[in-house]
Amino acid sequence: MPKYSIIVPVYNRPNETEELLESLAVQQFIDFELILVEDGSSETSKHLAEKYSQKIDLKYFFKENTGPGDSRNFGMEKASGNYFLFFDSDCVIPADYMSKADELLSITKLDAFGGPDNAHESFSNTQKAINYAMTSFFTTGGIRGGRKQLDKFQPRSFNMGFSREVYENTGGFSDIHPGEDPDLSYRIMKGGYKVGLIRECFVYHKRRIDFGKYLKQVYKFGVVRVVLNKWHPDKTSPVFMLPTLFLLGSLFCLASATISLWALGPLAVFSVLILLDSLLRSKSVVISFKALVASFIQLYGYGYGYLKSYYLLNLLGKKERVALRSFFAEGRK
């Protein structure tokens, strides 16, 4: 019986999945199985599962499309290990990830953990720019990977692990998407489990490959945040409203600029901060300017999604499974 079960939901991503499988095939620590759950894809990864089953203890399953949360739950039901690890199919895993995870989990005895993500040198400039926007302090992204407490740091399913006991007692991931991972993180914390951030266990996360897809993603993040606030009112934070305030403030600055161009000052200062900070981190002028675009996309997309969802659920009083039906598994069928 393997010590760990790695569970990965896949939906129409054979090319990226192959990179993930290749990175898992060269792990220094090999006492694990991989549960690959094809979530109703039209472009399947079955041929990759057959190819890499010679290198990895790999089990492949095809099921109807019900979303990544339900697919992870499906995978846990099929898993043999007592500790589950989760990656997204667009991740690349460093060769020493499993050995570090095993060593640190043996020392700390965590019931659940989360790890950060980095941009690999092979990623495109756009992917690196999006990674900056998702992790920068200036875009509120820094709160995701820079805190050790669960109420500040929320383990995300692109790099997350927890014990079988946690799954059995919490019921696993909910049917909302996105948002299924912070929802589970909150429930894990309420269950009194020991949770931590393992900084050494990072992954290379490709995220969205273009700005259009990224805009759709962050818009959805903003929408579901209002739902999560409703489900977990004790975990709400003013930080979640900052992108909406940034959006409204930007509109005010633009409107005021018809009277005086000085009104654009706050946006100019913010832009300079992003350019300088991303330049220091990336050492690339091209990535720096793309990071500026990605940062505005993140703040405006998330801010609009949050504002729209807040209006529907809190001001109009609509039920989330009715007003936001497509964000739940039943509504996506």
Protein backbone atom coordinates (compact mmCIF):
# COMPACT_ATOMS: atom_id res chain seq x y z
CA MET A 1 0.00 0.00 0.00
CA PRO A 2 1.50 3.38 -1.00
CA LYS A 3 2.14 5.96 1.69
CA TYR A 4 0.69 8.81 -0.36
CA SER A 5 -2.02 9.10 -2.99
CA ILE A 6 -1.64 11.95 -5.46
CA ILE A 7 -5.01 12.93 -6.96
CA VAL A 8 -5.28 15.04 -10.11
CA PRO A 9 -8.52 15.96 -11.91
CA VAL A 10 -8.08 16.51 -15.65
CA TYR A 11 -10.30 18.29 -18.13
CA ASN A 12 -9.16 18.65 -21.76
CA ARG A 13 -5.50 19.24 -20.91
CA PRO A 14 -3.45 16.38 -22.41
CA ASN A 15 -0.43 18.53 -23.27
CA GLU A 16 -0.10 20.07 -19.82
CA THR A 17 -0.91 16.75 -18.16
CA GLU A 18 2.05 15.12 -19.88
CA GLU A 19 4.40 17.70 -18.34
CA LEU A 20 2.92 16.97 -14.92
CA LEU A 21 3.32 13.21 -15.41
CA GLU A 22 6.90 13.63 -16.58
CA SER A 23 7.74 15.62 -13.44
CA LEU A 24 6.16 12.96 -11.22
CA ALA A 25 8.04 10.19 -13.02
CA VAL A 26 11.39 11.60 -11.85
CA GLN A 27 10.56 12.11 -8.18
CA GLN A 28 13.32 11.14 -5.76
CA PHE A 29 10.75 9.68 -3.35
CA ILE A 30 8.52 7.09 -5.04
CA ASP A 31 6.27 5.64 -2.33
CA PHE A 32 3.14 7.09 -3.89
CA GLU A 33 0.37 6.28 -6.32
CA LEU A 34 -1.21 8.66 -8.81
CA ILE A 35 -4.97 8.78 -9.28
CA LEU A 36 -5.73 10.53 -12.56
CA VAL A 37 -9.42 11.42 -12.85
CA GLU A 38 -10.63 12.42 -16.31
CA ASP A 39 -13.59 14.71 -15.70
CA GLY A 40 -15.63 14.04 -18.85
CA SER A 41 -12.97 15.37 -21.25
CA SER A 42 -13.43 15.28 -25.02
CA GLU A 43 -9.62 15.36 -25.35
CA THR A 44 -8.62 12.62 -22.96
CA SER A 45 -5.27 11.80 -21.38
CA LYS A 46 -5.83 8.04 -21.44
CA HIS A 47 -2.91 7.50 -23.82
CA LEU A 48 -0.64 9.37 -21.40
CA ALA A 49 -1.85 7.25 -18.50
CA GLU A 50 -0.96 4.13 -20.46
CA LYS A 51 2.44 5.56 -21.34
CA TYR A 52 3.40 6.68 -17.83
CA SER A 53 1.96 3.65 -16.03
CA GLN A 54 5.32 2.04 -16.83
CA LYS A 55 7.06 4.71 -14.73
CA ILE A 56 4.48 5.56 -12.05
CA ASP A 57 2.01 3.58 -9.97
CA LEU A 58 -0.84 5.16 -11.90
CA LYS A 59 -4.58 4.51 -11.87
CA TYR A 60 -6.72 6.19 -14.55
CA PHE A 61 -10.47 6.78 -14.29
CA PHE A 62 -12.93 8.41 -16.68
CA LYS A 63 -16.17 9.87 -15.30
CA GLU A 64 -18.87 12.31 -16.35
CA ASN A 65 -18.13 16.00 -16.00
CA THR A 66 -19.07 17.17 -12.49
CA GLY A 67 -16.23 19.60 -11.77
CA PRO A 68 -12.80 19.33 -10.13
CA GLY A 69 -14.06 19.19 -6.53
CA ASP A 70 -16.25 16.16 -7.12
CA SER A 71 -13.48 14.57 -9.21
CA ARG A 72 -11.05 14.91 -6.32
CA ASN A 73 -13.60 13.29 -4.01
CA PHE A 74 -14.00 10.50 -6.57
CA GLY A 75 -10.23 10.06 -6.60
CA MET A 76 -10.04 9.84 -2.82
CA GLU A 77 -12.62 7.06 -2.86
CA LYS A 78 -10.37 5.13 -5.25
CA ALA A 79 -7.12 5.91 -3.40
CA SER A 80 -5.15 3.47 -1.24
CA GLY A 81 -2.92 5.88 0.70
CA ASN A 82 -3.63 7.41 4.09
CA TYR A 83 -2.47 10.86 3.04
CA PHE A 84 -3.77 12.62 -0.05
CA LEU A 85 -1.89 15.17 -2.15
CA PHE A 86 -3.52 17.37 -4.79
CA PHE A 87 -2.09 19.11 -7.84
CA ASP A 88 -3.71 20.82 -10.79
CA SER A 89 -3.03 19.28 -14.18
CA ASP A 90 -1.18 22.43 -15.30
CA CYS A 91 1.47 22.09 -12.57
CA VAL A 92 5.06 20.89 -12.84
CA ILE A 93 6.43 19.28 -9.67
CA PRO A 94 10.10 19.73 -8.62
CA ALA A 95 11.97 16.42 -8.43
CA ASP A 96 12.54 16.73 -4.67
CA TYR A 97 8.94 17.70 -3.80
CA MET A 98 7.85 14.29 -2.51
CA SER A 99 11.03 13.71 -0.52
CA LYS A 100 10.72 17.12 1.14
CA ALA A 101 7.03 16.60 1.84
CA ASP A 102 7.63 13.20 3.40
CA GLU A 103 10.47 14.50 5.55
CA LEU A 104 8.63 17.58 6.79
CA LEU A 105 5.31 15.82 7.36
CA SER A 106 7.13 13.17 9.40
CA ILE A 107 8.52 15.91 11.63
CA THR A 108 5.52 18.23 11.94
CA LYS A 109 2.69 15.64 11.80
CA LEU A 110 0.34 18.02 9.96
CA ASP A 111 -3.21 16.87 9.30
CA ALA A 112 -3.33 19.21 6.30
CA PHE A 113 -0.93 21.57 4.53
CA GLY A 114 -0.61 23.91 1.62
CA GLY A 115 2.39 24.94 -0.44
CA PRO A 116 3.22 27.97 -2.61
CA ASP A 117 3.70 28.19 -6.35
CA ASN A 118 6.47 29.63 -8.51
CA ALA A 119 6.96 30.46 -12.17
CA HIS A 120 9.33 28.09 -13.95
CA GLU A 121 12.01 29.60 -16.20
CA SER A 122 10.44 27.79 -19.18
CA PHE A 123 7.09 29.57 -18.72
CA SER A 124 6.08 32.23 -21.23
CA ASN A 125 6.40 35.90 -20.33
CA THR A 126 2.62 36.11 -20.02
CA GLN A 127 2.53 33.17 -17.60
CA LYS A 128 5.28 34.75 -15.52
CA ALA A 129 3.40 38.05 -15.49
CA ILE A 130 0.20 36.31 -14.35
CA ASN A 131 2.16 34.51 -11.65
CA TYR A 132 3.38 37.89 -10.42
CA ALA A 133 -0.17 39.26 -10.27
CA MET A 134 -1.39 36.20 -8.39
CA THR A 135 1.34 36.42 -5.73
CA SER A 136 2.12 40.12 -5.37
CA PHE A 137 1.41 42.10 -2.22
CA PHE A 138 0.21 45.01 -4.36
CA THR A 139 -2.61 42.93 -5.86
CA THR A 140 -3.53 41.30 -2.50
CA GLY A 141 -2.14 38.06 -3.95
CA GLY A 142 0.61 37.96 -1.35
CA ILE A 143 -1.80 36.87 1.38
CA ARG A 144 -2.16 33.48 -0.34
CA GLY A 145 1.35 32.23 0.20
CA GLY A 146 2.91 34.43 2.81
CA ARG A 147 1.12 33.47 5.98
CA LYS A 148 1.46 30.41 8.15
CA GLN A 149 -1.91 30.58 9.92
CA LEU A 150 -4.83 28.93 8.16
CA ASP A 151 -7.11 31.90 8.82
CA LYS A 152 -4.67 34.00 6.77
CA PHE A 153 -3.21 31.36 4.44
CA GLN A 154 -5.69 29.14 2.65
CA PRO A 155 -4.29 25.91 1.16
CA ARG A 156 -5.29 25.73 -2.48
CA SER A 157 -5.91 22.58 -4.48
CA PHE A 158 -3.09 23.22 -6.96
CA ASN A 159 -0.73 22.30 -4.09
CA MET A 160 -2.50 20.84 -1.08
CA GLY A 161 -2.49 17.76 1.12
CA PHE A 162 -4.45 16.24 3.97
CA SER A 163 -5.02 12.93 5.72
CA ARG A 164 -7.70 10.37 4.97
CA GLU A 165 -9.20 11.18 8.37
CA VAL A 166 -9.67 14.82 7.33
CA TYR A 167 -11.52 13.71 4.22
CA GLU A 168 -13.77 11.28 6.06
CA ASN A 169 -14.71 13.83 8.72
CA THR A 170 -15.18 16.87 6.46
CA GLY A 171 -16.73 15.21 3.43
CA GLY A 172 -14.08 16.58 1.10
CA PHE A 173 -14.59 19.24 -1.55
CA SER A 174 -17.96 20.91 -2.15
CA ASP A 175 -19.63 21.20 -5.55
CA ILE A 176 -18.88 24.89 -6.09
CA HIS A 177 -16.15 25.85 -8.55
CA PRO A 178 -14.02 27.82 -8.20
CA GLY A 179 -13.95 28.22 -4.43
CA GLU A 180 -14.08 24.56 -3.42
CA ASP A 181 -10.59 24.67 -1.89
CA PRO A 182 -10.93 27.70 0.45
CA ASP A 183 -14.32 26.32 1.50
CA LEU A 184 -12.68 23.04 2.47
CA SER A 185 -9.81 24.89 4.19
CA TYR A 186 -12.30 26.70 6.41
CA ARG A 187 -14.06 23.46 7.29
CA ILE A 188 -10.75 21.78 8.09
CA MET A 189 -9.90 24.60 10.45
CA LYS A 190 -13.30 24.43 12.12
CA GLY A 191 -12.66 20.71 12.67
CA GLY A 192 -9.66 21.56 14.86
CA TYR A 193 -7.06 19.90 12.65
CA LYS A 194 -3.39 20.85 12.66
CA VAL A 195 -2.64 22.73 9.44
CA GLY A 196 0.46 24.47 8.18
CA LEU A 197 2.21 26.06 5.23
CA ILE A 198 5.22 24.11 3.93
CA ARG A 199 7.22 26.70 2.03
CA GLU A 200 9.78 24.16 0.80
CA CYS A 201 7.09 22.21 -1.07
CA PHE A 202 6.37 24.54 -3.98
CA VAL A 203 5.11 23.73 -7.45
CA TYR A 204 5.48 25.44 -10.80
CA HIS A 205 1.95 26.48 -11.71
CA LYS A 206 1.29 27.49 -15.30
CA ARG A 207 -2.09 29.09 -14.62
CA ARG A 208 -3.89 30.65 -17.60
CA ILE A 209 -1.92 30.97 -20.80
CA ASP A 210 -3.46 34.25 -22.01
CA PHE A 211 -5.01 37.37 -20.53
CA GLY A 212 -8.50 36.58 -21.81
CA LYS A 213 -8.68 33.28 -19.92
CA TYR A 214 -7.10 34.93 -16.90
CA LEU A 215 -9.79 37.60 -16.85
CA LYS A 216 -12.52 34.93 -16.81
CA GLN A 217 -10.74 33.11 -13.99
CA VAL A 218 -10.30 36.08 -11.66
CA TYR A 219 -13.87 37.24 -12.38
CA LYS A 220 -15.09 33.86 -11.10
CA PHE A 221 -12.84 34.17 -8.04
CA GLY A 222 -14.57 37.46 -7.21
CA VAL A 223 -18.02 35.98 -7.68
CA VAL A 224 -17.48 32.96 -5.42
CA ARG A 225 -15.80 35.01 -2.68
CA VAL A 226 -19.19 36.49 -1.81
CA VAL A 227 -20.63 32.97 -1.61
CA LEU A 228 -17.78 31.90 0.70
CA ASN A 229 -18.39 34.95 2.88
CA LYS A 230 -22.01 33.87 3.16
CA TRP A 231 -21.09 30.28 4.03
CA HIS A 232 -18.31 31.27 6.43
CA PRO A 233 -19.20 34.70 7.85
CA ASP A 234 -16.54 34.39 10.55
CA LYS A 235 -13.87 34.27 7.84
CA THR A 236 -14.78 37.42 5.98
CA SER A 237 -12.13 40.11 5.70
CA PRO A 238 -11.95 43.69 4.41
CA VAL A 239 -9.11 42.48 2.18
CA PHE A 240 -11.62 40.67 -0.03
CA MET A 241 -13.26 43.99 -0.89
CA LEU A 242 -10.07 45.78 -1.91
CA PRO A 243 -10.27 44.87 -5.63
CA THR A 244 -13.85 46.20 -5.79
CA LEU A 245 -12.80 49.40 -4.05
CA PHE A 246 -9.88 49.65 -6.49
CA LEU A 247 -12.31 49.25 -9.41
CA LEU A 248 -14.67 51.92 -8.08
CA GLY A 249 -11.76 54.21 -7.21
CA SER A 250 -10.37 53.83 -10.73
CA LEU A 251 -13.71 54.78 -12.24
CA PHE A 252 -13.82 57.84 -10.00
CA CYS A 253 -10.28 58.84 -11.04
CA LEU A 254 -11.11 58.45 -14.72
CA ALA A 255 -14.29 60.48 -14.37
CA SER A 256 -12.47 63.20 -12.41
CA ALA A 257 -9.72 63.31 -15.05
CA THR A 258 -12.17 65.10 -17.36
CA ILE A 259 -11.78 68.02 -14.97
CA SER A 260 -8.13 67.59 -13.97
CA LEU A 261 -5.49 65.11 -15.10
CA TRP A 262 -4.09 65.15 -11.56
CA ALA A 263 -6.95 62.81 -10.69
CA LEU A 264 -5.02 60.06 -12.47
CA GLY A 265 -2.22 60.40 -9.92
CA PRO A 266 -3.22 57.41 -7.73
CA LEU A 267 -3.38 55.11 -10.76
CA ALA A 268 -0.03 56.41 -11.98
CA VAL A 269 1.61 55.78 -8.59
CA PHE A 270 0.15 52.27 -8.44
CA SER A 271 1.40 51.54 -11.95
CA VAL A 272 4.92 52.69 -11.11
CA LEU A 273 4.97 50.50 -7.99
CA ILE A 274 3.90 47.45 -10.01
CA LEU A 275 6.43 48.14 -12.75
CA LEU A 276 9.32 48.58 -10.32
CA ASP A 277 8.43 45.64 -8.10
CA SER A 278 7.86 43.23 -10.99
CA LEU A 279 11.06 44.43 -12.66
CA LEU A 280 13.05 43.70 -9.51
CA ARG A 281 11.55 40.24 -9.31
CA SER A 282 11.69 39.27 -12.98
CA LYS A 283 14.70 41.28 -14.23
CA SER A 284 12.74 41.71 -17.46
CA VAL A 285 11.19 44.89 -18.85
CA VAL A 286 8.80 42.86 -21.03
CA ILE A 287 7.54 40.80 -18.09
CA SER A 288 7.28 43.95 -16.01
CA PHE A 289 4.90 45.63 -18.45
CA LYS A 290 2.91 42.43 -18.87
CA ALA A 291 2.73 42.17 -15.08
CA LEU A 292 1.17 45.63 -15.02
CA VAL A 293 -1.52 44.48 -17.45
CA ALA A 294 -2.07 41.27 -15.47
CA SER A 295 -2.37 43.21 -12.22
CA PHE A 296 -5.08 45.51 -13.57
CA ILE A 297 -6.88 42.51 -15.08
CA GLN A 298 -6.82 40.76 -11.72
CA LEU A 299 -8.08 43.71 -9.70
CA TYR A 300 -10.75 44.78 -12.19
CA GLY A 301 -11.93 41.24 -13.00
CA TYR A 302 -12.10 40.12 -9.38
CA GLY A 303 -13.55 43.46 -8.29
CA TYR A 304 -16.36 43.33 -10.86
CA GLY A 305 -17.15 39.69 -10.04
CA TYR A 306 -17.34 40.48 -6.33
CA LEU A 307 -19.52 43.54 -6.93
CA LYS A 308 -21.93 41.66 -9.20
CA SER A 309 -22.22 38.72 -6.80
CA TYR A 310 -22.68 41.03 -3.81
CA TYR A 311 -25.51 42.81 -5.63
CA LEU A 312 -27.28 39.55 -6.53
CA LEU A 313 -26.92 37.78 -3.19
CA ASN A 314 -26.77 40.51 -0.57
CA LEU A 315 -28.80 43.34 -2.06
CA LEU A 316 -31.39 41.41 -4.07
CA GLY A 317 -31.35 38.48 -1.62
CA LYS A 318 -31.20 35.77 -4.26
CA LYS A 319 -30.06 32.22 -3.44
CA GLU A 320 -26.56 31.42 -4.68
CA ARG A 321 -27.56 28.14 -6.34
CA VAL A 322 -30.20 30.01 -8.34
CA ALA A 323 -28.46 33.30 -9.15
CA LEU A 324 -25.08 31.63 -9.76
CA ARG A 325 -26.24 28.26 -11.00
CA SER A 326 -23.32 27.73 -13.41
CA PHE A 327 -20.86 27.85 -10.50
CA PHE A 328 -22.28 24.64 -9.04
CA ALA A 329 -21.91 21.11 -10.40
CA GLU A 330 -25.61 20.58 -11.06
CA GLY A 331 -25.84 23.82 -13.03
CA ARG A 332 -22.89 22.91 -15.26
CA LYS A 333 -24.48 19.72 -16.59
